[in-house]
PDB file of all heavy atoms in Angstrom:
ATOM      1  N   VAL A   1       0.356 -25.592  -7.446  1.00  0.00           N
ATOM      2  CA  VAL A   1       1.327 -24.673  -6.933  1.00  0.00           C
ATOM      3  C   VAL A   1       0.616 -23.486  -6.272  1.00  0.00           C
ATOM      4  O   VAL A   1      -0.272 -22.835  -6.877  1.00  0.00           O
ATOM      5  CB  VAL A   1       2.254 -24.091  -8.034  1.00  0.00           C
ATOM      6  CG1 VAL A   1       3.228 -23.040  -7.418  1.00  0.00           C
ATOM      7  CG2 VAL A   1       3.100 -25.230  -8.626  1.00  0.00           C
ATOM      8  N   VAL A   2       0.901 -23.232  -4.991  1.00  0.00           N
ATOM      9  CA  VAL A   2       0.291 -22.066  -4.314  1.00  0.00           C
ATOM     10  C   VAL A   2       1.418 -20.962  -4.414  1.00  0.00           C
ATOM     11  O   VAL A   2       2.549 -21.228  -4.052  1.00  0.00           O
ATOM     12  CB  VAL A   2       0.026 -22.307  -2.850  1.00  0.00           C
ATOM     13  CG1 VAL A   2      -0.316 -21.063  -2.091  1.00  0.00           C
ATOM     14  CG2 VAL A   2      -1.156 -23.365  -2.753  1.00  0.00           C
ATOM     15  N   ILE A   3       1.073 -19.763  -4.902  1.00  0.00           N
ATOM     16  CA  ILE A   3       1.953 -18.702  -5.029  1.00  0.00           C
ATOM     17  C   ILE A   3       1.731 -17.661  -3.994  1.00  0.00           C
ATOM     18  O   ILE A   3       0.620 -17.136  -3.844  1.00  0.00           O
ATOM     19  CB  ILE A   3       1.915 -18.113  -6.437  1.00  0.00           C
ATOM     20  CG1 ILE A   3       2.238 -19.092  -7.549  1.00  0.00           C
ATOM     21  CG2 ILE A   3       2.794 -16.820  -6.589  1.00  0.00           C
ATOM     22  CD1 ILE A   3       1.991 -18.653  -8.939  1.00  0.00           C
ATOM     23  N   ARG A   4       2.745 -17.351  -3.169  1.00  0.00           N
ATOM     24  CA  ARG A   4       2.557 -16.421  -2.106  1.00  0.00           C
ATOM     25  C   ARG A   4       3.655 -15.293  -2.322  1.00  0.00           C
ATOM     26  O   ARG A   4       4.850 -15.571  -2.266  1.00  0.00           O
ATOM     27  CB  ARG A   4       2.687 -17.047  -0.705  1.00  0.00           C
ATOM     28  CG  ARG A   4       2.346 -16.192   0.436  1.00  0.00           C
ATOM     29  CD  ARG A   4       2.305 -17.035   1.733  1.00  0.00           C
ATOM     30  NE  ARG A   4       1.521 -16.329   2.774  1.00  0.00           N
ATOM     31  CZ  ARG A   4       2.144 -15.726   3.787  1.00  0.00           C
ATOM     32  NH1 ARG A   4       3.487 -15.675   3.875  1.00  0.00           N
ATOM     33  NH2 ARG A   4       1.381 -15.156   4.771  1.00  0.00           N
ATOM     34  N   LEU A   5       3.158 -14.156  -2.509  1.00  0.00           N
ATOM     35  CA  LEU A   5       4.026 -12.917  -2.690  1.00  0.00           C
ATOM     36  C   LEU A   5       4.530 -12.403  -1.420  1.00  0.00           C
ATOM     37  O   LEU A   5       3.743 -12.348  -0.379  1.00  0.00           O
ATOM     38  CB  LEU A   5       3.281 -11.854  -3.506  1.00  0.00           C
ATOM     39  CG  LEU A   5       2.650 -12.293  -4.840  1.00  0.00           C
ATOM     40  CD1 LEU A   5       2.044 -11.027  -5.486  1.00  0.00           C
ATOM     41  CD2 LEU A   5       3.641 -12.904  -5.759  1.00  0.00           C
ATOM     42  N   GLY A   6       5.745 -12.020  -1.364  1.00  0.00           N
ATOM     43  CA  GLY A   6       6.391 -11.485  -0.136  1.00  0.00           C
ATOM     44  C   GLY A   6       7.023 -10.130  -0.367  1.00  0.00           C
ATOM     45  O   GLY A   6       6.517  -9.263  -0.943  1.00  0.00           O
ATOM     46  N   ARG A   7       8.298 -10.087   0.200  1.00  0.00           N
ATOM     47  CA  ARG A   7       8.994  -8.834   0.299  1.00  0.00           C
ATOM     48  C   ARG A   7       9.239  -8.105  -1.031  1.00  0.00           C
ATOM     49  O   ARG A   7       9.204  -6.899  -1.116  1.00  0.00           O
ATOM     50  CB  ARG A   7      10.343  -9.098   0.981  1.00  0.00           C
ATOM     51  CG  ARG A   7      11.025  -7.838   1.475  1.00  0.00           C
ATOM     52  CD  ARG A   7      12.137  -8.201   2.475  1.00  0.00           C
ATOM     53  NE  ARG A   7      11.662  -8.886   3.678  1.00  0.00           N
ATOM     54  CZ  ARG A   7      12.379  -9.446   4.570  1.00  0.00           C
ATOM     55  NH1 ARG A   7      13.675  -9.610   4.353  1.00  0.00           N
ATOM     56  NH2 ARG A   7      11.808 -10.014   5.639  1.00  0.00           N
ATOM     57  N   GLY A   8       9.363  -8.832  -2.106  1.00  0.00           N
ATOM     58  CA  GLY A   8       9.613  -8.193  -3.330  1.00  0.00           C
ATOM     59  C   GLY A   8       8.313  -7.506  -3.955  1.00  0.00           C
ATOM     60  O   GLY A   8       8.372  -6.936  -5.037  1.00  0.00           O
ATOM     61  N   PHE A   9       7.186  -7.653  -3.302  1.00  0.00           N
ATOM     62  CA  PHE A   9       5.942  -7.156  -3.833  1.00  0.00           C
ATOM     63  C   PHE A   9       5.142  -6.328  -2.823  1.00  0.00           C
ATOM     64  O   PHE A   9       3.922  -6.267  -2.859  1.00  0.00           O
ATOM     65  CB  PHE A   9       5.033  -8.384  -4.183  1.00  0.00           C
ATOM     66  CG  PHE A   9       5.627  -9.285  -5.252  1.00  0.00           C
ATOM     67  CD1 PHE A   9       6.539 -10.272  -4.906  1.00  0.00           C
ATOM     68  CD2 PHE A   9       5.359  -9.019  -6.546  1.00  0.00           C
ATOM     69  CE1 PHE A   9       7.083 -11.068  -5.841  1.00  0.00           C
ATOM     70  CE2 PHE A   9       5.942  -9.881  -7.565  1.00  0.00           C
ATOM     71  CZ  PHE A   9       6.795 -10.920  -7.213  1.00  0.00           C
ATOM     72  N   ASN A  10       5.899  -5.745  -1.830  1.00  0.00           N
ATOM     73  CA  ASN A  10       5.121  -4.898  -0.810  1.00  0.00           C
ATOM     74  C   ASN A  10       5.527  -3.475  -0.757  1.00  0.00           C
ATOM     75  O   ASN A  10       5.254  -2.750   0.168  1.00  0.00           O
ATOM     76  CB  ASN A  10       5.293  -5.561   0.533  1.00  0.00           C
ATOM     77  CG  ASN A  10       6.760  -5.527   1.042  1.00  0.00           C
ATOM     78  OD1 ASN A  10       7.611  -5.063   0.271  1.00  0.00           O
ATOM     79  ND2 ASN A  10       7.036  -5.996   2.256  1.00  0.00           N
ATOM     80  N   GLY A  11       6.043  -2.997  -1.883  1.00  0.00           N
ATOM     81  CA  GLY A  11       6.461  -1.564  -1.922  1.00  0.00           C
ATOM     82  C   GLY A  11       5.270  -0.652  -1.990  1.00  0.00           C
ATOM     83  O   GLY A  11       4.154  -1.062  -2.435  1.00  0.00           O
ATOM     84  N   ILE A  12       5.450   0.583  -1.531  1.00  0.00           N
ATOM     85  CA  ILE A  12       4.393   1.657  -1.584  1.00  0.00           C
ATOM     86  C   ILE A  12       5.038   2.935  -2.030  1.00  0.00           C
ATOM     87  O   ILE A  12       6.025   3.358  -1.490  1.00  0.00           O
ATOM     88  CB  ILE A  12       3.728   1.902  -0.209  1.00  0.00           C
ATOM     89  CG1 ILE A  12       3.111   0.551   0.412  1.00  0.00           C
ATOM     90  CG2 ILE A  12       2.627   2.994  -0.318  1.00  0.00           C
ATOM     91  CD1 ILE A  12       2.737   0.722   1.811  1.00  0.00           C
ATOM     92  N   ALA A  13       4.470   3.518  -3.130  1.00  0.00           N
ATOM     93  CA  ALA A  13       5.047   4.682  -3.667  1.00  0.00           C
ATOM     94  C   ALA A  13       3.930   5.704  -3.982  1.00  0.00           C
ATOM     95  O   ALA A  13       2.781   5.402  -4.236  1.00  0.00           O
ATOM     96  CB  ALA A  13       5.842   4.418  -4.948  1.00  0.00           C
ATOM     97  N   PHE A  14       4.380   7.039  -3.954  1.00  0.00           N
ATOM     98  CA  PHE A  14       3.383   8.109  -4.198  1.00  0.00           C
ATOM     99  C   PHE A  14       3.782   9.016  -5.341  1.00  0.00           C
ATOM    100  O   PHE A  14       4.993   9.292  -5.498  1.00  0.00           O
ATOM    101  CB  PHE A  14       3.281   8.960  -2.871  1.00  0.00           C
ATOM    102  CG  PHE A  14       2.778   8.136  -1.679  1.00  0.00           C
ATOM    103  CD1 PHE A  14       3.765   7.593  -0.887  1.00  0.00           C
ATOM    104  CD2 PHE A  14       1.459   7.899  -1.484  1.00  0.00           C
ATOM    105  CE1 PHE A  14       3.371   6.803   0.215  1.00  0.00           C
ATOM    106  CE2 PHE A  14       1.059   7.090  -0.395  1.00  0.00           C
ATOM    107  CZ  PHE A  14       2.060   6.615   0.480  1.00  0.00           C
ATOM    108  N   ASP A  15       2.775   9.467  -6.085  1.00  0.00           N
ATOM    109  CA  ASP A  15       3.018  10.416  -7.212  1.00  0.00           C
ATOM    110  C   ASP A  15       1.812  11.363  -7.261  1.00  0.00           C
ATOM    111  O   ASP A  15       0.787  10.938  -7.828  1.00  0.00           O
ATOM    112  CB  ASP A  15       3.184   9.650  -8.510  1.00  0.00           C
ATOM    113  CG  ASP A  15       3.376  10.559  -9.689  1.00  0.00           C
ATOM    114  OD1 ASP A  15       3.634  11.801  -9.448  1.00  0.00           O
ATOM    115  OD2 ASP A  15       3.425  10.072 -10.783  1.00  0.00           O
ATOM    116  N   GLY A  16       1.869  12.538  -6.583  1.00  0.00           N
ATOM    117  CA  GLY A  16       0.715  13.332  -6.383  1.00  0.00           C
ATOM    118  C   GLY A  16      -0.348  12.643  -5.660  1.00  0.00           C
ATOM    119  O   GLY A  16      -0.108  12.206  -4.480  1.00  0.00           O
ATOM    120  N   ASP A  17      -1.501  12.490  -6.243  1.00  0.00           N
ATOM    121  CA  ASP A  17      -2.611  11.778  -5.475  1.00  0.00           C
ATOM    122  C   ASP A  17      -2.697  10.332  -5.828  1.00  0.00           C
ATOM    123  O   ASP A  17      -3.626   9.702  -5.490  1.00  0.00           O
ATOM    124  CB  ASP A  17      -3.973  12.564  -5.743  1.00  0.00           C
ATOM    125  CG  ASP A  17      -4.373  12.543  -7.187  1.00  0.00           C
ATOM    126  OD1 ASP A  17      -3.577  12.093  -8.021  1.00  0.00           O
ATOM    127  OD2 ASP A  17      -5.514  12.974  -7.471  1.00  0.00           O
ATOM    128  N   LEU A  18      -1.723   9.848  -6.598  1.00  0.00           N
ATOM    129  CA  LEU A  18      -1.695   8.423  -6.944  1.00  0.00           C
ATOM    130  C   LEU A  18      -0.786   7.615  -5.949  1.00  0.00           C
ATOM    131  O   LEU A  18       0.213   8.024  -5.474  1.00  0.00           O
ATOM    132  CB  LEU A  18      -1.115   8.172  -8.368  1.00  0.00           C
ATOM    133  CG  LEU A  18      -1.913   8.752  -9.543  1.00  0.00           C
ATOM    134  CD1 LEU A  18      -1.050   8.490 -10.805  1.00  0.00           C
ATOM    135  CD2 LEU A  18      -3.288   8.023  -9.539  1.00  0.00           C
ATOM    136  N   VAL A  19      -1.366   6.478  -5.611  1.00  0.00           N
ATOM    137  CA  VAL A  19      -0.699   5.536  -4.620  1.00  0.00           C
ATOM    138  C   VAL A  19      -0.526   4.196  -5.365  1.00  0.00           C
ATOM    139  O   VAL A  19      -1.496   3.602  -5.795  1.00  0.00           O
ATOM    140  CB  VAL A  19      -1.547   5.300  -3.357  1.00  0.00           C
ATOM    141  CG1 VAL A  19      -0.790   4.377  -2.412  1.00  0.00           C
ATOM    142  CG2 VAL A  19      -1.960   6.610  -2.705  1.00  0.00           C
ATOM    143  N   ARG A  20       0.760   3.836  -5.515  1.00  0.00           N
ATOM    144  CA  ARG A  20       1.074   2.504  -6.065  1.00  0.00           C
ATOM    145  C   ARG A  20       1.512   1.576  -5.010  1.00  0.00           C
ATOM    146  O   ARG A  20       2.455   1.883  -4.240  1.00  0.00           O
ATOM    147  CB  ARG A  20       2.181   2.676  -7.121  1.00  0.00           C
ATOM    148  CG  ARG A  20       1.754   3.241  -8.391  1.00  0.00           C
ATOM    149  CD  ARG A  20       2.832   3.209  -9.534  1.00  0.00           C
ATOM    150  NE  ARG A  20       2.293   3.802 -10.732  1.00  0.00           N
ATOM    151  CZ  ARG A  20       2.288   5.121 -10.958  1.00  0.00           C
ATOM    152  NH1 ARG A  20       2.797   5.940 -10.056  1.00  0.00           N
ATOM    153  NH2 ARG A  20       1.799   5.612 -12.105  1.00  0.00           N
ATOM    154  N   ALA A  21       0.787   0.468  -4.841  1.00  0.00           N
ATOM    155  CA  ALA A  21       1.056  -0.482  -3.808  1.00  0.00           C
ATOM    156  C   ALA A  21       1.297  -1.830  -4.369  1.00  0.00           C
ATOM    157  O   ALA A  21       0.478  -2.333  -5.140  1.00  0.00           O
ATOM    158  CB  ALA A  21       0.000  -0.431  -2.750  1.00  0.00           C
ATOM    159  N   GLY A  22       2.344  -2.552  -3.890  1.00  0.00           N
ATOM    160  CA  GLY A  22       2.447  -3.949  -4.244  1.00  0.00           C
ATOM    161  C   GLY A  22       1.359  -4.750  -3.650  1.00  0.00           C
ATOM    162  O   GLY A  22       0.793  -4.495  -2.637  1.00  0.00           O
ATOM    163  N   ALA A  23       1.109  -5.984  -4.364  1.00  0.00           N
ATOM    164  CA  ALA A  23      -0.018  -6.767  -3.906  1.00  0.00           C
ATOM    165  C   ALA A  23       0.087  -7.329  -2.524  1.00  0.00           C
ATOM    166  O   ALA A  23      -0.821  -7.580  -1.872  1.00  0.00           O
ATOM    167  CB  ALA A  23      -0.252  -7.917  -4.917  1.00  0.00           C
ATOM    168  N   ALA A  24       1.438  -7.448  -2.088  1.00  0.00           N
ATOM    169  CA  ALA A  24       1.709  -7.989  -0.739  1.00  0.00           C
ATOM    170  C   ALA A  24       1.643  -6.964   0.373  1.00  0.00           C
ATOM    171  O   ALA A  24       1.785  -7.280   1.532  1.00  0.00           O
ATOM    172  CB  ALA A  24       3.010  -8.781  -0.668  1.00  0.00           C
ATOM    173  N   ALA A  25       1.547  -5.665  -0.030  1.00  0.00           N
ATOM    174  CA  ALA A  25       1.480  -4.602   1.024  1.00  0.00           C
ATOM    175  C   ALA A  25       0.209  -4.707   1.830  1.00  0.00           C
ATOM    176  O   ALA A  25      -0.893  -4.974   1.267  1.00  0.00           O
ATOM    177  CB  ALA A  25       1.544  -3.188   0.334  1.00  0.00           C
ATOM    178  N   LEU A  26       0.271  -4.651   3.156  1.00  0.00           N
ATOM    179  CA  LEU A  26      -0.867  -4.838   4.024  1.00  0.00           C
ATOM    180  C   LEU A  26      -1.836  -3.586   3.831  1.00  0.00           C
ATOM    181  O   LEU A  26      -1.370  -2.474   3.759  1.00  0.00           O
ATOM    182  CB  LEU A  26      -0.450  -4.943   5.462  1.00  0.00           C
ATOM    183  CG  LEU A  26       0.348  -6.166   5.813  1.00  0.00           C
ATOM    184  CD1 LEU A  26       0.782  -6.162   7.205  1.00  0.00           C
ATOM    185  CD2 LEU A  26      -0.374  -7.448   5.511  1.00  0.00           C
ATOM    186  N   ASP A  27      -3.068  -3.841   3.817  1.00  0.00           N
ATOM    187  CA  ASP A  27      -4.079  -2.786   3.657  1.00  0.00           C
ATOM    188  C   ASP A  27      -3.856  -1.663   4.726  1.00  0.00           C
ATOM    189  O   ASP A  27      -3.833  -0.470   4.430  1.00  0.00           O
ATOM    190  CB  ASP A  27      -5.491  -3.307   3.812  1.00  0.00           C
ATOM    191  CG  ASP A  27      -5.840  -4.325   2.745  1.00  0.00           C
ATOM    192  OD1 ASP A  27      -5.279  -4.357   1.674  1.00  0.00           O
ATOM    193  OD2 ASP A  27      -6.722  -5.206   3.021  1.00  0.00           O
ATOM    194  N   ALA A  28      -3.709  -2.066   5.990  1.00  0.00           N
ATOM    195  CA  ALA A  28      -3.540  -1.130   7.098  1.00  0.00           C
ATOM    196  C   ALA A  28      -2.299  -0.283   6.824  1.00  0.00           C
ATOM    197  O   ALA A  28      -2.290   0.925   7.201  1.00  0.00           O
ATOM    198  CB  ALA A  28      -3.488  -1.864   8.389  1.00  0.00           C
ATOM    199  N   HIS A  29      -1.194  -0.863   6.387  1.00  0.00           N
ATOM    200  CA  HIS A  29       0.001  -0.145   6.202  1.00  0.00           C
ATOM    201  C   HIS A  29      -0.115   0.895   5.061  1.00  0.00           C
ATOM    202  O   HIS A  29       0.387   1.993   5.159  1.00  0.00           O
ATOM    203  CB  HIS A  29       1.140  -1.129   5.866  1.00  0.00           C
ATOM    204  CG  HIS A  29       2.521  -0.606   5.906  1.00  0.00           C
ATOM    205  ND1 HIS A  29       2.955   0.222   6.951  1.00  0.00           N
ATOM    206  CD2 HIS A  29       3.589  -0.714   5.007  1.00  0.00           C
ATOM    207  CE1 HIS A  29       4.204   0.582   6.745  1.00  0.00           C
ATOM    208  NE2 HIS A  29       4.633  -0.002   5.532  1.00  0.00           N
ATOM    209  N   VAL A  30      -0.797   0.478   3.996  1.00  0.00           N
ATOM    210  CA  VAL A  30      -1.062   1.416   2.916  1.00  0.00           C
ATOM    211  C   VAL A  30      -1.896   2.616   3.363  1.00  0.00           C
ATOM    212  O   VAL A  30      -1.569   3.765   3.064  1.00  0.00           O
ATOM    213  CB  VAL A  30      -1.733   0.734   1.726  1.00  0.00           C
ATOM    214  CG1 VAL A  30      -2.207   1.745   0.660  1.00  0.00           C
ATOM    215  CG2 VAL A  30      -0.866  -0.369   1.143  1.00  0.00           C
ATOM    216  N   ALA A  31      -2.921   2.300   4.216  1.00  0.00           N
ATOM    217  CA  ALA A  31      -3.736   3.419   4.758  1.00  0.00           C
ATOM    218  C   ALA A  31      -2.912   4.356   5.613  1.00  0.00           C
ATOM    219  O   ALA A  31      -3.094   5.647   5.451  1.00  0.00           O
ATOM    220  CB  ALA A  31      -4.875   2.801   5.541  1.00  0.00           C
ATOM    221  N   ARG A  32      -2.054   3.804   6.447  1.00  0.00           N
ATOM    222  CA  ARG A  32      -1.253   4.733   7.326  1.00  0.00           C
ATOM    223  C   ARG A  32      -0.264   5.527   6.533  1.00  0.00           C
ATOM    224  O   ARG A  32      -0.111   6.722   6.748  1.00  0.00           O
ATOM    225  CB  ARG A  32      -0.508   3.791   8.365  1.00  0.00           C
ATOM    226  CG  ARG A  32      -1.384   3.225   9.395  1.00  0.00           C
ATOM    227  CD  ARG A  32      -0.559   2.781  10.627  1.00  0.00           C
ATOM    228  NE  ARG A  32       0.565   1.895  10.276  1.00  0.00           N
ATOM    229  CZ  ARG A  32       0.492   0.586  10.278  1.00  0.00           C
ATOM    230  NH1 ARG A  32      -0.666  -0.014  10.586  1.00  0.00           N
ATOM    231  NH2 ARG A  32       1.581  -0.162   9.903  1.00  0.00           N
ATOM    232  N   LYS A  33       0.400   4.944   5.538  1.00  0.00           N
ATOM    233  CA  LYS A  33       1.418   5.641   4.731  1.00  0.00           C
ATOM    234  C   LYS A  33       0.740   6.707   3.911  1.00  0.00           C
ATOM    235  O   LYS A  33       1.215   7.838   3.773  1.00  0.00           O
ATOM    236  CB  LYS A  33       2.152   4.659   3.876  1.00  0.00           C
ATOM    237  CG  LYS A  33       3.045   3.672   4.650  1.00  0.00           C
ATOM    238  CD  LYS A  33       4.446   4.105   4.789  1.00  0.00           C
ATOM    239  CE  LYS A  33       5.212   3.954   3.549  1.00  0.00           C
ATOM    240  NZ  LYS A  33       6.728   4.095   3.779  1.00  0.00           N
ATOM    241  N   ALA A  34      -0.460   6.339   3.354  1.00  0.00           N
ATOM    242  CA  ALA A  34      -1.203   7.371   2.608  1.00  0.00           C
ATOM    243  C   ALA A  34      -1.605   8.577   3.420  1.00  0.00           C
ATOM    244  O   ALA A  34      -1.504   9.736   3.038  1.00  0.00           O
ATOM    245  CB  ALA A  34      -2.328   6.693   1.864  1.00  0.00           C
ATOM    246  N   ALA A  35      -2.108   8.268   4.651  1.00  0.00           N
ATOM    247  CA  ALA A  35      -2.576   9.292   5.504  1.00  0.00           C
ATOM    248  C   ALA A  35      -1.440  10.355   5.837  1.00  0.00           C
ATOM    249  O   ALA A  35      -1.627  11.487   5.921  1.00  0.00           O
ATOM    250  CB  ALA A  35      -3.099   8.707   6.784  1.00  0.00           C
ATOM    251  N   ALA A  36      -0.212   9.751   6.068  1.00  0.00           N
ATOM    252  CA  ALA A  36       0.931  10.588   6.324  1.00  0.00           C
ATOM    253  C   ALA A  36       1.204  11.496   5.131  1.00  0.00           C
ATOM    254  O   ALA A  36       1.822  12.625   5.349  1.00  0.00           O
ATOM    255  CB  ALA A  36       2.145   9.749   6.681  1.00  0.00           C
ATOM    256  N   GLU A  37       0.792  11.146   3.922  1.00  0.00           N
ATOM    257  CA  GLU A  37       1.049  12.006   2.728  1.00  0.00           C
ATOM    258  C   GLU A  37      -0.233  12.840   2.476  1.00  0.00           C
ATOM    259  O   GLU A  37      -0.253  13.576   1.491  1.00  0.00           O
ATOM    260  CB  GLU A  37       1.181  11.031   1.525  1.00  0.00           C
ATOM    261  CG  GLU A  37       2.453  10.124   1.619  1.00  0.00           C
ATOM    262  CD  GLU A  37       3.772  10.922   1.398  1.00  0.00           C
ATOM    263  OE1 GLU A  37       3.673  11.889   0.589  1.00  0.00           O
ATOM    264  OE2 GLU A  37       4.752  10.522   1.973  1.00  0.00           O
ATOM    265  N   GLY A  38      -1.175  12.818   3.354  1.00  0.00           N
ATOM    266  CA  GLY A  38      -2.430  13.633   3.214  1.00  0.00           C
ATOM    267  C   GLY A  38      -3.373  13.031   2.136  1.00  0.00           C
ATOM    268  O   GLY A  38      -4.090  13.758   1.464  1.00  0.00           O
ATOM    269  N   LEU A  39      -3.337  11.664   2.052  1.00  0.00           N
ATOM    270  CA  LEU A  39      -4.182  11.005   1.051  1.00  0.00           C
ATOM    271  C   LEU A  39      -5.126  10.080   1.734  1.00  0.00           C
ATOM    272  O   LEU A  39      -4.667   9.228   2.588  1.00  0.00           O
ATOM    273  CB  LEU A  39      -3.278  10.292   0.076  1.00  0.00           C
ATOM    274  CG  LEU A  39      -2.317  11.168  -0.795  1.00  0.00           C
ATOM    275  CD1 LEU A  39      -1.444  10.282  -1.645  1.00  0.00           C
ATOM    276  CD2 LEU A  39      -3.229  12.060  -1.727  1.00  0.00           C
ATOM    277  N   ASN A  40      -6.385  10.094   1.410  1.00  0.00           N
ATOM    278  CA  ASN A  40      -7.421   9.415   2.160  1.00  0.00           C
ATOM    279  C   ASN A  40      -7.729   8.059   1.581  1.00  0.00           C
ATOM    280  O   ASN A  40      -8.511   7.804   0.595  1.00  0.00           O
ATOM    281  CB  ASN A  40      -8.767  10.235   2.180  1.00  0.00           C
ATOM    282  CG  ASN A  40      -9.877   9.561   2.907  1.00  0.00           C
ATOM    283  OD1 ASN A  40      -9.581   8.576   3.637  1.00  0.00           O
ATOM    284  ND2 ASN A  40     -11.035  10.107   2.908  1.00  0.00           N
ATOM    285  N   LEU A  41      -7.056   7.081   2.213  1.00  0.00           N
ATOM    286  CA  LEU A  41      -7.471   5.593   1.994  1.00  0.00           C
ATOM    287  C   LEU A  41      -7.846   5.028   3.312  1.00  0.00           C
ATOM    288  O   LEU A  41      -7.565   3.786   3.554  1.00  0.00           O
ATOM    289  CB  LEU A  41      -6.245   4.870   1.320  1.00  0.00           C
ATOM    290  CG  LEU A  41      -5.892   5.320  -0.076  1.00  0.00           C
ATOM    291  CD1 LEU A  41      -4.642   4.540  -0.551  1.00  0.00           C
ATOM    292  CD2 LEU A  41      -7.084   5.074  -1.083  1.00  0.00           C
ATOM    293  N   THR A  42      -8.446   5.801   4.163  1.00  0.00           N
ATOM    294  CA  THR A  42      -8.673   5.359   5.570  1.00  0.00           C
ATOM    295  C   THR A  42      -9.621   4.119   5.638  1.00  0.00           C
ATOM    296  O   THR A  42      -9.472   3.375   6.557  1.00  0.00           O
ATOM    297  CB  THR A  42      -9.303   6.478   6.388  1.00  0.00           C
ATOM    298  OG1 THR A  42     -10.468   7.012   5.801  1.00  0.00           O
ATOM    299  CG2 THR A  42      -8.342   7.697   6.506  1.00  0.00           C
ATOM    300  N   PHE A  43     -10.447   3.948   4.603  1.00  0.00           N
ATOM    301  CA  PHE A  43     -11.306   2.660   4.699  1.00  0.00           C
ATOM    302  C   PHE A  43     -10.469   1.410   4.775  1.00  0.00           C
ATOM    303  O   PHE A  43     -10.986   0.336   5.167  1.00  0.00           O
ATOM    304  CB  PHE A  43     -12.317   2.716   3.552  1.00  0.00           C
ATOM    305  CG  PHE A  43     -11.689   2.340   2.191  1.00  0.00           C
ATOM    306  CD1 PHE A  43     -11.776   1.018   1.734  1.00  0.00           C
ATOM    307  CD2 PHE A  43     -11.054   3.311   1.385  1.00  0.00           C
ATOM    308  CE1 PHE A  43     -11.229   0.655   0.492  1.00  0.00           C
ATOM    309  CE2 PHE A  43     -10.510   2.941   0.208  1.00  0.00           C
ATOM    310  CZ  PHE A  43     -10.653   1.622  -0.309  1.00  0.00           C
ATOM    311  N   LEU A  44      -9.251   1.426   4.254  1.00  0.00           N
ATOM    312  CA  LEU A  44      -8.427   0.269   4.240  1.00  0.00           C
ATOM    313  C   LEU A  44      -7.876  -0.057   5.633  1.00  0.00           C
ATOM    314  O   LEU A  44      -7.349  -1.167   5.883  1.00  0.00           O
ATOM    315  CB  LEU A  44      -7.277   0.449   3.271  1.00  0.00           C
ATOM    316  CG  LEU A  44      -7.538   0.368   1.766  1.00  0.00           C
ATOM    317  CD1 LEU A  44      -6.337   0.708   0.919  1.00  0.00           C
ATOM    318  CD2 LEU A  44      -8.061  -1.036   1.379  1.00  0.00           C
ATOM    319  N   ARG A  45      -7.849   0.922   6.544  1.00  0.00           N
ATOM    320  CA  ARG A  45      -7.147   0.761   7.822  1.00  0.00           C
ATOM    321  C   ARG A  45      -7.658  -0.392   8.650  1.00  0.00           C
ATOM    322  O   ARG A  45      -6.886  -1.057   9.353  1.00  0.00           O
ATOM    323  CB  ARG A  45      -7.309   2.054   8.652  1.00  0.00           C
ATOM    324  CG  ARG A  45      -6.616   2.038   9.969  1.00  0.00           C
ATOM    325  CD  ARG A  45      -5.088   1.871   9.859  1.00  0.00           C
ATOM    326  NE  ARG A  45      -4.384   1.768  11.116  1.00  0.00           N
ATOM    327  CZ  ARG A  45      -4.127   0.621  11.714  1.00  0.00           C
ATOM    328  NH1 ARG A  45      -4.533  -0.523  11.165  1.00  0.00           N
ATOM    329  NH2 ARG A  45      -3.448   0.520  12.902  1.00  0.00           N
TER     330      ARG A  45
END
């Protein structure tokens, strides 16, 4: 069985300087959303 995570696993949430991201969230999307919150995950972009 190959398991592929999709829409139910791509959420991104913020709590202060903590970023919680689902395993299916794209690296680039996490970097962009974090940057908009003033959080540096730019290496993921």
